[in-house]
Structure formats: structure tokens, C-alpha cells
Amino acid sequence: MSSSSSLSGPAFRVGLGYDSHRLGPGGPLRIGGVDVPSDFHAIGHSDADVLLHAITDALLGAVCAKDIGRLFPDDAAENAGRDSGEFLSAAVDAVRQAGMQVGNLDCVILAQRPKMAPHIDLMRERIASQLGVPTTDVSIKAKTGEGVGEIGTSQAIAARVVVLVISEGTGTPPTPRQADES
């Protein structure tokens, strides 16, 4: 990761992440680290987990590191079928190397089907665990395409994420996580 050992500037930084993948026949659909039962899957070089890809890019962007495509190219053999959780771990490491910690994130999954609601709590738990934050710091919502465009006709799936990272040891007000630990 080519991020600096610590970032100068504000105690809070925001990152924005986005990813999309075409859909193909055969399931399950892997999203948020969870295999969601479905008759289709996302097509990609890795496991094509759009949510973890978007979170990874949001974290990397918050600390001005290289994006997921430059760190884990889709033409590199070692990334074929790779678990996107490994990409997310590398992004968390980049945040820590920059002297920051994850504050919270807000995610939107864009998919016509399958219904995401039954799987969101498990996604939140898995992502929170990997990020080292409480589940209350991970928000995930799902929206359909209302039958419009590639999302609405189930040709594609996408995710959008915004993340807040906080400088470690800055004397900033405690997050709910820090308050619970005292």
C-alpha cells in the first residue's frame, strides 16, 4: 500500500466508493461477504462482491491510497476468484498505516432482486467484524431499480458507499465505540 505513515490535515476524512458488475446465470450471489441464494451471480475476475469492492475503494479513497483496480488488477492471475475480504483487509491496513481508524460507513446496494433485507444483518455483522467496529457503525440499505435500466432489469448489480475515517489520538469527541469501552 503506498499510503503515507500518517496523513496531515483534518482529523476526519471521507471516502466514497462505487462498484458495479454484470449478472450471469447460476448462483449464489456473493455480496457483503454473504452468499445470497439466487439464480444468478455477479460476473467478475475476483468473487465480484460489489459491496466489499465499494467499501474497499471508499476506505482507500479516504486515505488517498491507490484504488482497488490499481492494487488488485483484474488481469492479474492471483486475483482470479479471490475473496474480496482480502481486498477489504488491505484497505483497513492502509487506513491504520495512515494513522486513521474507521468511524462509520453508509452503504447502498442497488439490485432488483433477490431481496436483500433478509441478509443485511449478517452482512453488517461480517463487515463490522472485518473493519473492527461495532455493527452500529455499519449501515446497509438496499434499493431496487424500479424496473428501469440495467439494475431494474436485473442485468447488473451495484453498490455505493461513503465512509468516515477518524485520526487516531486526536482528542476528537469519542465515537460510540470509544464511549462503550470506557
N, C-alpha and C. Protein backbone atom coordinates (compact mmCIF):
# COMPACT_ATOMS: atom_id res chain seq x y z
N MET A 1 0.85 -1.16 0.00
CA MET A 1 0.00 0.00 0.00
C MET A 1 0.89 1.22 0.00
N SER A 2 0.70 2.09 -0.89
CA SER A 2 1.53 3.28 -0.87
C SER A 2 0.76 4.45 -0.29
N SER A 3 0.44 4.32 0.99
CA SER A 3 -0.14 5.46 1.69
C SER A 3 0.92 5.92 2.68
N SER A 4 0.86 7.18 3.03
CA SER A 4 1.85 7.69 3.95
C SER A 4 1.62 7.10 5.33
N SER A 5 2.65 7.17 6.20
CA SER A 5 2.51 6.60 7.52
C SER A 5 1.52 7.39 8.36
N SER A 6 1.33 8.65 8.07
CA SER A 6 0.25 9.40 8.70
C SER A 6 -0.10 10.57 7.80
N LEU A 7 -1.37 10.90 7.81
CA LEU A 7 -1.86 11.97 6.95
C LEU A 7 -1.88 13.28 7.71
N SER A 8 -1.55 14.34 7.02
CA SER A 8 -1.73 15.66 7.62
C SER A 8 -3.12 16.15 7.27
N GLY A 9 -3.56 17.15 7.97
CA GLY A 9 -4.86 17.70 7.63
C GLY A 9 -5.90 17.39 8.68
N PRO A 10 -7.15 17.35 8.25
CA PRO A 10 -8.25 17.23 9.21
C PRO A 10 -8.25 15.91 9.96
N ALA A 11 -8.85 15.95 11.14
CA ALA A 11 -8.96 14.76 11.98
C ALA A 11 -10.00 13.78 11.43
N PHE A 12 -10.84 14.26 10.52
CA PHE A 12 -11.87 13.44 9.91
C PHE A 12 -11.68 13.49 8.40
N ARG A 13 -11.83 12.34 7.76
CA ARG A 13 -11.73 12.28 6.30
C ARG A 13 -12.86 11.41 5.79
N VAL A 14 -13.36 11.70 4.59
CA VAL A 14 -14.47 10.98 4.00
C VAL A 14 -13.99 10.28 2.73
N GLY A 15 -14.46 9.07 2.51
CA GLY A 15 -14.17 8.35 1.28
C GLY A 15 -15.47 7.91 0.62
N LEU A 16 -15.45 7.88 -0.71
CA LEU A 16 -16.62 7.49 -1.49
C LEU A 16 -16.24 6.28 -2.33
N GLY A 17 -17.07 5.25 -2.31
CA GLY A 17 -16.80 4.05 -3.10
C GLY A 17 -18.00 3.66 -3.95
N TYR A 18 -17.70 3.10 -5.12
CA TYR A 18 -18.75 2.64 -6.03
C TYR A 18 -18.21 1.41 -6.75
N ASP A 19 -19.09 0.46 -7.02
CA ASP A 19 -18.74 -0.67 -7.87
C ASP A 19 -20.00 -1.21 -8.52
N SER A 20 -19.83 -1.83 -9.67
CA SER A 20 -20.95 -2.49 -10.35
C SER A 20 -20.41 -3.71 -11.10
N HIS A 21 -21.28 -4.68 -11.27
CA HIS A 21 -20.94 -5.89 -12.03
C HIS A 21 -22.15 -6.34 -12.82
N ARG A 22 -21.88 -6.92 -14.00
CA ARG A 22 -22.93 -7.58 -14.77
C ARG A 22 -23.36 -8.83 -14.02
N LEU A 23 -24.55 -9.30 -14.31
CA LEU A 23 -25.07 -10.52 -13.69
C LEU A 23 -25.17 -11.62 -14.74
N GLY A 24 -24.90 -12.86 -14.32
CA GLY A 24 -24.99 -14.00 -15.21
C GLY A 24 -25.72 -15.15 -14.53
N PRO A 25 -26.10 -16.15 -15.30
CA PRO A 25 -26.87 -17.27 -14.75
C PRO A 25 -26.06 -18.09 -13.75
N GLY A 26 -26.76 -18.68 -12.79
CA GLY A 26 -26.15 -19.53 -11.77
C GLY A 26 -25.83 -18.72 -10.53
N GLY A 27 -26.13 -19.26 -9.39
CA GLY A 27 -25.89 -18.56 -8.13
C GLY A 27 -24.89 -19.31 -7.29
N PRO A 28 -24.69 -18.89 -6.08
CA PRO A 28 -25.35 -17.79 -5.41
C PRO A 28 -24.71 -16.45 -5.76
N LEU A 29 -25.29 -15.39 -5.23
CA LEU A 29 -24.80 -14.03 -5.41
C LEU A 29 -24.04 -13.66 -4.15
N ARG A 30 -22.74 -13.40 -4.27
CA ARG A 30 -21.93 -13.04 -3.11
C ARG A 30 -21.94 -11.53 -2.95
N ILE A 31 -22.42 -11.08 -1.78
CA ILE A 31 -22.47 -9.65 -1.52
C ILE A 31 -22.33 -9.39 -0.02
N GLY A 32 -21.46 -8.46 0.31
CA GLY A 32 -21.20 -8.14 1.71
C GLY A 32 -20.57 -9.30 2.46
N GLY A 33 -19.88 -10.18 1.74
CA GLY A 33 -19.26 -11.35 2.36
C GLY A 33 -20.23 -12.48 2.64
N VAL A 34 -21.44 -12.37 2.10
CA VAL A 34 -22.50 -13.36 2.35
C VAL A 34 -22.94 -13.94 1.00
N ASP A 35 -23.13 -15.25 0.95
CA ASP A 35 -23.69 -15.89 -0.24
C ASP A 35 -25.21 -15.84 -0.15
N VAL A 36 -25.81 -15.00 -0.99
CA VAL A 36 -27.26 -14.81 -1.01
C VAL A 36 -27.84 -15.77 -2.04
N PRO A 37 -28.77 -16.63 -1.62
CA PRO A 37 -29.37 -17.56 -2.59
C PRO A 37 -30.00 -16.81 -3.76
N SER A 38 -29.67 -17.25 -4.96
CA SER A 38 -30.14 -16.58 -6.17
C SER A 38 -29.94 -17.50 -7.37
N ASP A 39 -30.62 -17.20 -8.45
CA ASP A 39 -30.42 -17.97 -9.68
C ASP A 39 -29.41 -17.28 -10.60
N PHE A 40 -28.71 -16.26 -10.11
CA PHE A 40 -27.65 -15.60 -10.87
C PHE A 40 -26.53 -15.18 -9.93
N HIS A 41 -25.41 -14.79 -10.51
CA HIS A 41 -24.25 -14.34 -9.74
C HIS A 41 -23.64 -13.12 -10.44
N ALA A 42 -22.81 -12.39 -9.71
CA ALA A 42 -22.11 -11.26 -10.30
C ALA A 42 -20.90 -11.78 -11.05
N ILE A 43 -20.65 -11.23 -12.22
CA ILE A 43 -19.54 -11.66 -13.07
C ILE A 43 -18.35 -10.74 -12.81
N GLY A 44 -17.23 -11.36 -12.49
CA GLY A 44 -16.02 -10.58 -12.24
C GLY A 44 -14.81 -11.47 -12.14
N HIS A 45 -13.64 -10.86 -12.11
CA HIS A 45 -12.39 -11.60 -12.03
C HIS A 45 -12.20 -12.21 -10.65
N SER A 46 -12.53 -11.44 -9.60
CA SER A 46 -12.47 -11.96 -8.23
C SER A 46 -13.82 -12.61 -7.94
N ASP A 47 -14.25 -12.60 -6.67
CA ASP A 47 -15.58 -13.13 -6.36
C ASP A 47 -16.69 -12.14 -6.70
N ALA A 48 -16.33 -10.95 -7.20
CA ALA A 48 -17.26 -9.93 -7.70
C ALA A 48 -18.24 -9.42 -6.64
N ASP A 49 -17.78 -9.32 -5.41
CA ASP A 49 -18.61 -8.81 -4.32
C ASP A 49 -18.65 -7.29 -4.41
N VAL A 50 -19.71 -6.74 -5.02
CA VAL A 50 -19.78 -5.30 -5.27
C VAL A 50 -19.74 -4.48 -3.99
N LEU A 51 -20.34 -4.98 -2.93
CA LEU A 51 -20.37 -4.21 -1.69
C LEU A 51 -18.98 -4.12 -1.07
N LEU A 52 -18.28 -5.24 -0.97
CA LEU A 52 -16.92 -5.19 -0.41
C LEU A 52 -15.98 -4.39 -1.31
N HIS A 53 -16.19 -4.44 -2.62
CA HIS A 53 -15.35 -3.63 -3.53
C HIS A 53 -15.59 -2.14 -3.29
N ALA A 54 -16.84 -1.75 -3.14
CA ALA A 54 -17.15 -0.34 -2.92
C ALA A 54 -16.63 0.14 -1.56
N ILE A 55 -16.74 -0.69 -0.53
CA ILE A 55 -16.20 -0.32 0.79
C ILE A 55 -14.69 -0.18 0.70
N THR A 56 -14.05 -1.13 0.02
CA THR A 56 -12.59 -1.08 -0.13
C THR A 56 -12.17 0.23 -0.79
N ASP A 57 -12.81 0.60 -1.88
CA ASP A 57 -12.46 1.85 -2.57
C ASP A 57 -12.75 3.07 -1.70
N ALA A 58 -13.83 3.06 -0.94
CA ALA A 58 -14.15 4.19 -0.06
C ALA A 58 -13.05 4.38 0.98
N LEU A 59 -12.60 3.28 1.59
CA LEU A 59 -11.53 3.37 2.60
C LEU A 59 -10.23 3.84 1.97
N LEU A 60 -9.89 3.28 0.82
CA LEU A 60 -8.65 3.68 0.15
C LEU A 60 -8.71 5.16 -0.25
N GLY A 61 -9.86 5.60 -0.72
CA GLY A 61 -10.02 6.99 -1.10
C GLY A 61 -9.90 7.94 0.09
N ALA A 62 -10.42 7.53 1.23
CA ALA A 62 -10.38 8.39 2.41
C ALA A 62 -8.95 8.70 2.84
N VAL A 63 -8.02 7.77 2.57
CA VAL A 63 -6.62 7.99 2.97
C VAL A 63 -5.72 8.25 1.75
N CYS A 64 -6.33 8.55 0.62
CA CYS A 64 -5.60 8.90 -0.61
C CYS A 64 -4.63 7.80 -1.06
N ALA A 65 -5.03 6.55 -0.90
CA ALA A 65 -4.23 5.42 -1.37
C ALA A 65 -4.68 5.06 -2.79
N LYS A 66 -3.94 4.19 -3.45
CA LYS A 66 -4.34 3.73 -4.78
C LYS A 66 -5.68 3.02 -4.68
N ASP A 67 -6.47 3.07 -5.77
CA ASP A 67 -7.77 2.43 -5.77
C ASP A 67 -7.65 0.92 -5.95
N ILE A 68 -8.76 0.23 -5.77
CA ILE A 68 -8.80 -1.23 -5.82
C ILE A 68 -8.31 -1.78 -7.15
N GLY A 69 -8.62 -1.11 -8.25
CA GLY A 69 -8.20 -1.58 -9.57
C GLY A 69 -6.69 -1.52 -9.77
N ARG A 70 -6.05 -0.53 -9.17
CA ARG A 70 -4.59 -0.44 -9.29
C ARG A 70 -3.88 -1.38 -8.32
N LEU A 71 -4.49 -1.61 -7.16
CA LEU A 71 -3.87 -2.52 -6.19
C LEU A 71 -4.10 -3.99 -6.53
N PHE A 72 -5.27 -4.29 -7.07
CA PHE A 72 -5.66 -5.67 -7.36
C PHE A 72 -6.20 -5.75 -8.79
N PRO A 73 -5.35 -5.64 -9.80
CA PRO A 73 -5.81 -5.58 -11.20
C PRO A 73 -6.62 -6.82 -11.59
N ASP A 74 -7.63 -6.58 -12.43
CA ASP A 74 -8.49 -7.69 -12.86
C ASP A 74 -7.86 -8.53 -13.97
N ASP A 75 -6.63 -8.21 -14.34
CA ASP A 75 -5.93 -9.07 -15.30
C ASP A 75 -4.78 -9.83 -14.64
N ALA A 76 -4.70 -9.74 -13.30
CA ALA A 76 -3.65 -10.46 -12.56
C ALA A 76 -4.16 -11.83 -12.15
N ALA A 77 -3.42 -12.86 -12.49
CA ALA A 77 -3.83 -14.24 -12.21
C ALA A 77 -4.11 -14.48 -10.73
N GLU A 78 -3.33 -13.85 -9.86
CA GLU A 78 -3.51 -14.07 -8.41
C GLU A 78 -4.84 -13.52 -7.89
N ASN A 79 -5.51 -12.70 -8.68
CA ASN A 79 -6.79 -12.15 -8.24
C ASN A 79 -7.99 -12.91 -8.79
N ALA A 80 -7.75 -13.90 -9.63
CA ALA A 80 -8.85 -14.70 -10.20
C ALA A 80 -9.56 -15.46 -9.09
N GLY A 81 -10.85 -15.22 -8.94
CA GLY A 81 -11.67 -15.90 -7.94
C GLY A 81 -11.35 -15.50 -6.51
N ARG A 82 -10.53 -14.49 -6.33
CA ARG A 82 -10.07 -14.10 -4.99
C ARG A 82 -11.21 -13.58 -4.13
N ASP A 83 -11.14 -13.89 -2.85
CA ASP A 83 -12.11 -13.43 -1.86
C ASP A 83 -11.94 -11.92 -1.67
N SER A 84 -12.99 -11.17 -1.89
CA SER A 84 -12.94 -9.71 -1.76
C SER A 84 -12.66 -9.27 -0.33
N GLY A 85 -12.86 -10.15 0.63
CA GLY A 85 -12.50 -9.84 2.01
C GLY A 85 -11.02 -9.55 2.15
N GLU A 86 -10.19 -10.16 1.28
CA GLU A 86 -8.75 -9.88 1.30
C GLU A 86 -8.47 -8.46 0.83
N PHE A 87 -9.23 -7.97 -0.14
CA PHE A 87 -9.08 -6.59 -0.60
C PHE A 87 -9.45 -5.63 0.53
N LEU A 88 -10.56 -5.96 1.22
CA LEU A 88 -11.02 -5.11 2.32
C LEU A 88 -9.98 -5.08 3.45
N SER A 89 -9.39 -6.21 3.76
CA SER A 89 -8.34 -6.25 4.80
C SER A 89 -7.18 -5.34 4.44
N ALA A 90 -6.78 -5.35 3.18
CA ALA A 90 -5.68 -4.48 2.73
C ALA A 90 -6.06 -3.01 2.88
N ALA A 91 -7.32 -2.67 2.61
CA ALA A 91 -7.77 -1.29 2.76
C ALA A 91 -7.78 -0.87 4.23
N VAL A 92 -8.22 -1.76 5.10
CA VAL A 92 -8.20 -1.47 6.54
C VAL A 92 -6.77 -1.24 7.00
N ASP A 93 -5.84 -2.06 6.51
CA ASP A 93 -4.42 -1.86 6.84
C ASP A 93 -3.93 -0.50 6.37
N ALA A 94 -4.34 -0.06 5.18
CA ALA A 94 -3.94 1.24 4.65
C ALA A 94 -4.47 2.37 5.54
N VAL A 95 -5.70 2.22 6.02
CA VAL A 95 -6.29 3.22 6.92
C VAL A 95 -5.46 3.30 8.20
N ARG A 96 -5.12 2.16 8.76
CA ARG A 96 -4.33 2.14 10.01
C ARG A 96 -2.93 2.70 9.79
N GLN A 97 -2.31 2.35 8.66
CA GLN A 97 -0.98 2.87 8.34
C GLN A 97 -0.99 4.38 8.19
N ALA A 98 -2.12 4.93 7.83
CA ALA A 98 -2.26 6.38 7.68
C ALA A 98 -2.56 7.06 9.02
N GLY A 99 -2.60 6.27 10.10
CA GLY A 99 -2.88 6.84 11.41
C GLY A 99 -4.35 7.14 11.64
N MET A 100 -5.20 6.45 10.91
CA MET A 100 -6.65 6.68 10.99
C MET A 100 -7.34 5.40 11.46
N GLN A 101 -8.60 5.54 11.82
CA GLN A 101 -9.44 4.39 12.14
C GLN A 101 -10.80 4.61 11.51
N VAL A 102 -11.51 3.54 11.25
CA VAL A 102 -12.84 3.63 10.65
C VAL A 102 -13.80 4.22 11.67
N GLY A 103 -14.53 5.24 11.26
CA GLY A 103 -15.57 5.83 12.11
C GLY A 103 -16.89 5.11 11.86
N ASN A 104 -17.45 5.32 10.68
CA ASN A 104 -18.68 4.62 10.30
C ASN A 104 -18.79 4.60 8.78
N LEU A 105 -19.71 3.79 8.29
CA LEU A 105 -19.96 3.76 6.86
C LEU A 105 -21.44 3.59 6.59
N ASP A 106 -21.85 4.12 5.45
CA ASP A 106 -23.22 4.04 4.99
C ASP A 106 -23.19 3.46 3.58
N CYS A 107 -23.91 2.37 3.38
CA CYS A 107 -23.84 1.62 2.12
C CYS A 107 -25.23 1.49 1.50
N VAL A 108 -25.26 1.49 0.18
CA VAL A 108 -26.49 1.22 -0.56
C VAL A 108 -26.18 0.15 -1.59
N ILE A 109 -26.95 -0.94 -1.56
CA ILE A 109 -26.88 -1.99 -2.57
C ILE A 109 -28.00 -1.70 -3.58
N LEU A 110 -27.65 -1.70 -4.85
CA LEU A 110 -28.64 -1.45 -5.91
C LEU A 110 -28.85 -2.76 -6.67
N ALA A 111 -30.00 -3.39 -6.43
CA ALA A 111 -30.30 -4.68 -7.05
C ALA A 111 -31.81 -4.85 -7.15
N GLN A 112 -32.29 -5.27 -8.31
CA GLN A 112 -33.72 -5.52 -8.46
C GLN A 112 -34.14 -6.74 -7.65
N ARG A 113 -33.31 -7.76 -7.73
CA ARG A 113 -33.55 -8.99 -6.98
C ARG A 113 -32.23 -9.70 -6.81
N PRO A 114 -32.08 -10.60 -5.88
CA PRO A 114 -33.05 -11.03 -4.87
C PRO A 114 -33.21 -9.96 -3.79
N LYS A 115 -34.21 -10.14 -2.97
CA LYS A 115 -34.42 -9.21 -1.85
C LYS A 115 -33.24 -9.31 -0.90
N MET A 116 -32.69 -8.18 -0.54
CA MET A 116 -31.51 -8.13 0.32
C MET A 116 -31.86 -8.08 1.80
N ALA A 117 -33.05 -7.56 2.14
CA ALA A 117 -33.42 -7.33 3.54
C ALA A 117 -33.15 -8.54 4.46
N PRO A 118 -33.47 -9.76 4.04
CA PRO A 118 -33.23 -10.89 4.95
C PRO A 118 -31.74 -11.15 5.24
N HIS A 119 -30.85 -10.55 4.47
CA HIS A 119 -29.42 -10.84 4.59
C HIS A 119 -28.60 -9.66 5.14
N ILE A 120 -29.23 -8.52 5.28
CA ILE A 120 -28.50 -7.31 5.65
C ILE A 120 -27.88 -7.41 7.04
N ASP A 121 -28.57 -7.96 8.02
CA ASP A 121 -27.99 -8.04 9.36
C ASP A 121 -26.71 -8.87 9.37
N LEU A 122 -26.70 -9.99 8.65
CA LEU A 122 -25.50 -10.82 8.58
C LEU A 122 -24.38 -10.07 7.85
N MET A 123 -24.72 -9.36 6.78
CA MET A 123 -23.71 -8.55 6.08
C MET A 123 -23.10 -7.52 7.02
N ARG A 124 -23.95 -6.83 7.77
CA ARG A 124 -23.46 -5.81 8.71
C ARG A 124 -22.52 -6.43 9.73
N GLU A 125 -22.87 -7.58 10.27
CA GLU A 125 -22.04 -8.25 11.26
C GLU A 125 -20.68 -8.63 10.67
N ARG A 126 -20.69 -9.22 9.50
CA ARG A 126 -19.43 -9.65 8.87
C ARG A 126 -18.53 -8.46 8.54
N ILE A 127 -19.12 -7.41 7.99
CA ILE A 127 -18.33 -6.23 7.63
C ILE A 127 -17.80 -5.54 8.88
N ALA A 128 -18.64 -5.37 9.89
CA ALA A 128 -18.20 -4.73 11.13
C ALA A 128 -17.04 -5.50 11.76
N SER A 129 -17.14 -6.81 11.76
CA SER A 129 -16.07 -7.64 12.31
C SER A 129 -14.77 -7.42 11.55
N GLN A 130 -14.84 -7.38 10.25
CA GLN A 130 -13.64 -7.21 9.45
C GLN A 130 -13.05 -5.81 9.62
N LEU A 131 -13.90 -4.82 9.81
CA LEU A 131 -13.42 -3.46 9.99
C LEU A 131 -12.98 -3.17 11.42
N GLY A 132 -13.38 -4.03 12.37
CA GLY A 132 -13.04 -3.80 13.77
C GLY A 132 -13.88 -2.71 14.41
N VAL A 133 -15.14 -2.59 13.97
CA VAL A 133 -16.06 -1.60 14.52
C VAL A 133 -17.33 -2.31 14.97
N PRO A 134 -18.13 -1.67 15.84
CA PRO A 134 -19.40 -2.28 16.21
C PRO A 134 -20.37 -2.27 15.02
N THR A 135 -21.29 -3.18 15.05
CA THR A 135 -22.29 -3.29 13.99
C THR A 135 -23.07 -1.98 13.83
N THR A 136 -23.23 -1.24 14.91
CA THR A 136 -23.97 0.03 14.86
C THR A 136 -23.27 1.08 14.00
N ASP A 137 -22.01 0.84 13.62
CA ASP A 137 -21.27 1.78 12.76
C ASP A 137 -21.35 1.40 11.28
N VAL A 138 -22.10 0.34 10.96
CA VAL A 138 -22.23 -0.13 9.58
C VAL A 138 -23.70 -0.09 9.18
N SER A 139 -24.04 0.83 8.29
CA SER A 139 -25.41 0.94 7.78
C SER A 139 -25.44 0.37 6.36
N ILE A 140 -26.40 -0.50 6.11
CA ILE A 140 -26.59 -1.05 4.76
C ILE A 140 -28.07 -0.96 4.42
N LYS A 141 -28.33 -0.42 3.24
CA LYS A 141 -29.69 -0.34 2.71
C LYS A 141 -29.67 -0.98 1.33
N ALA A 142 -30.84 -1.39 0.87
CA ALA A 142 -30.95 -1.93 -0.49
C ALA A 142 -32.07 -1.21 -1.22
N LYS A 143 -31.82 -0.93 -2.49
CA LYS A 143 -32.79 -0.26 -3.33
C LYS A 143 -32.92 -1.04 -4.64
N THR A 144 -34.11 -1.07 -5.19
CA THR A 144 -34.30 -1.69 -6.50
C THR A 144 -34.17 -0.62 -7.57
N GLY A 145 -34.17 -1.05 -8.79
CA GLY A 145 -34.14 -0.11 -9.91
C GLY A 145 -35.53 0.22 -10.41
N GLU A 146 -36.56 -0.25 -9.70
CA GLU A 146 -37.95 0.01 -10.10
C GLU A 146 -38.22 -0.37 -11.55
N GLY A 147 -37.54 -1.43 -12.02
CA GLY A 147 -37.75 -1.91 -13.38
C GLY A 147 -37.08 -1.09 -14.46
N VAL A 148 -36.24 -0.11 -14.07
CA VAL A 148 -35.62 0.81 -15.02
C VAL A 148 -34.12 0.52 -15.13
N GLY A 149 -33.60 0.54 -16.35
CA GLY A 149 -32.16 0.42 -16.57
C GLY A 149 -31.61 -0.96 -16.27
N GLU A 150 -30.28 -1.06 -16.28
CA GLU A 150 -29.61 -2.35 -16.08
C GLU A 150 -29.87 -2.92 -14.68
N ILE A 151 -29.96 -2.06 -13.68
CA ILE A 151 -30.28 -2.54 -12.32
C ILE A 151 -31.71 -3.06 -12.30
N GLY A 152 -32.63 -2.28 -12.79
CA GLY A 152 -34.05 -2.62 -12.75
C GLY A 152 -34.45 -3.82 -13.56
N THR A 153 -33.64 -4.17 -14.57
CA THR A 153 -33.93 -5.35 -15.38
C THR A 153 -33.03 -6.53 -15.00
N SER A 154 -32.39 -6.44 -13.85
CA SER A 154 -31.53 -7.50 -13.30
C SER A 154 -30.39 -7.90 -14.23
N GLN A 155 -29.87 -6.93 -14.99
CA GLN A 155 -28.69 -7.18 -15.81
C GLN A 155 -27.41 -6.86 -15.04
N ALA A 156 -27.55 -6.05 -13.98
CA ALA A 156 -26.39 -5.60 -13.22
C ALA A 156 -26.76 -5.38 -11.76
N ILE A 157 -25.72 -5.32 -10.93
CA ILE A 157 -25.84 -5.00 -9.51
C ILE A 157 -24.78 -3.95 -9.22
N ALA A 158 -25.05 -3.08 -8.26
CA ALA A 158 -24.09 -2.03 -7.92
C ALA A 158 -24.16 -1.74 -6.43
N ALA A 159 -23.15 -1.04 -5.94
CA ALA A 159 -23.13 -0.59 -4.54
C ALA A 159 -22.46 0.77 -4.47
N ARG A 160 -22.96 1.59 -3.57
CA ARG A 160 -22.38 2.90 -3.28
C ARG A 160 -22.12 2.97 -1.79
N VAL A 161 -20.97 3.56 -1.43
CA VAL A 161 -20.57 3.61 -0.02
C VAL A 161 -19.93 4.95 0.28
N VAL A 162 -20.24 5.48 1.44
CA VAL A 162 -19.50 6.61 1.98
C VAL A 162 -18.98 6.19 3.36
N VAL A 163 -17.72 6.53 3.63
CA VAL A 163 -17.10 6.13 4.88
C VAL A 163 -16.45 7.34 5.54
N LEU A 164 -16.47 7.36 6.86
CA LEU A 164 -15.79 8.37 7.64
C LEU A 164 -14.63 7.69 8.35
N VAL A 165 -13.45 8.24 8.21
CA VAL A 165 -12.31 7.75 8.98
C VAL A 165 -11.85 8.88 9.90
N ILE A 166 -11.35 8.50 11.06
CA ILE A 166 -11.01 9.43 12.12
C ILE A 166 -9.54 9.26 12.47
N SER A 167 -8.86 10.37 12.64
CA SER A 167 -7.46 10.33 13.03
C SER A 167 -7.35 9.73 14.44
N GLU A 168 -6.42 8.81 14.62
CA GLU A 168 -6.22 8.19 15.93
C GLU A 168 -5.54 9.16 16.87
N GLY A 169 -6.02 9.22 18.12
CA GLY A 169 -5.38 10.01 19.15
C GLY A 169 -5.42 11.50 18.94
N THR A 170 -6.49 12.04 18.38
CA THR A 170 -6.53 13.47 18.09
C THR A 170 -7.28 14.27 19.13
N GLY A 171 -7.80 13.64 20.14
CA GLY A 171 -8.58 14.38 21.10
C GLY A 171 -9.95 14.76 20.58
N THR A 172 -10.38 14.09 19.52
CA THR A 172 -11.72 14.33 18.98
C THR A 172 -12.74 13.72 19.92
N PRO A 173 -13.99 14.16 19.86
CA PRO A 173 -15.01 13.56 20.72
C PRO A 173 -15.07 12.05 20.50
N PRO A 174 -15.30 11.28 21.56
CA PRO A 174 -15.32 9.83 21.41
C PRO A 174 -16.46 9.37 20.52
N THR A 175 -16.18 8.35 19.74
CA THR A 175 -17.23 7.72 18.95
C THR A 175 -18.01 6.82 19.89
N PRO A 176 -19.18 6.33 19.50
CA PRO A 176 -19.90 5.40 20.38
C PRO A 176 -19.06 4.20 20.78
N ARG A 177 -18.19 3.74 19.89
CA ARG A 177 -17.31 2.60 20.17
C ARG A 177 -16.38 2.95 21.32
N GLN A 178 -15.75 4.14 21.30
CA GLN A 178 -14.82 4.53 22.35
C GLN A 178 -15.56 4.76 23.66
N ALA A 179 -16.75 5.33 23.60
CA ALA A 179 -17.52 5.59 24.81
C ALA A 179 -17.91 4.28 25.49
N ASP A 180 -18.22 3.25 24.70
CA ASP A 180 -18.59 1.95 25.26
C ASP A 180 -17.41 1.28 25.97
N GLU A 181 -16.20 1.57 25.51
CA GLU A 181 -15.01 0.93 26.07
C GLU A 181 -14.60 1.53 27.40
N SER A 182 -15.07 2.76 27.72
CA SER A 182 -14.63 3.39 28.96
C SER A 182 -15.43 2.95 30.15
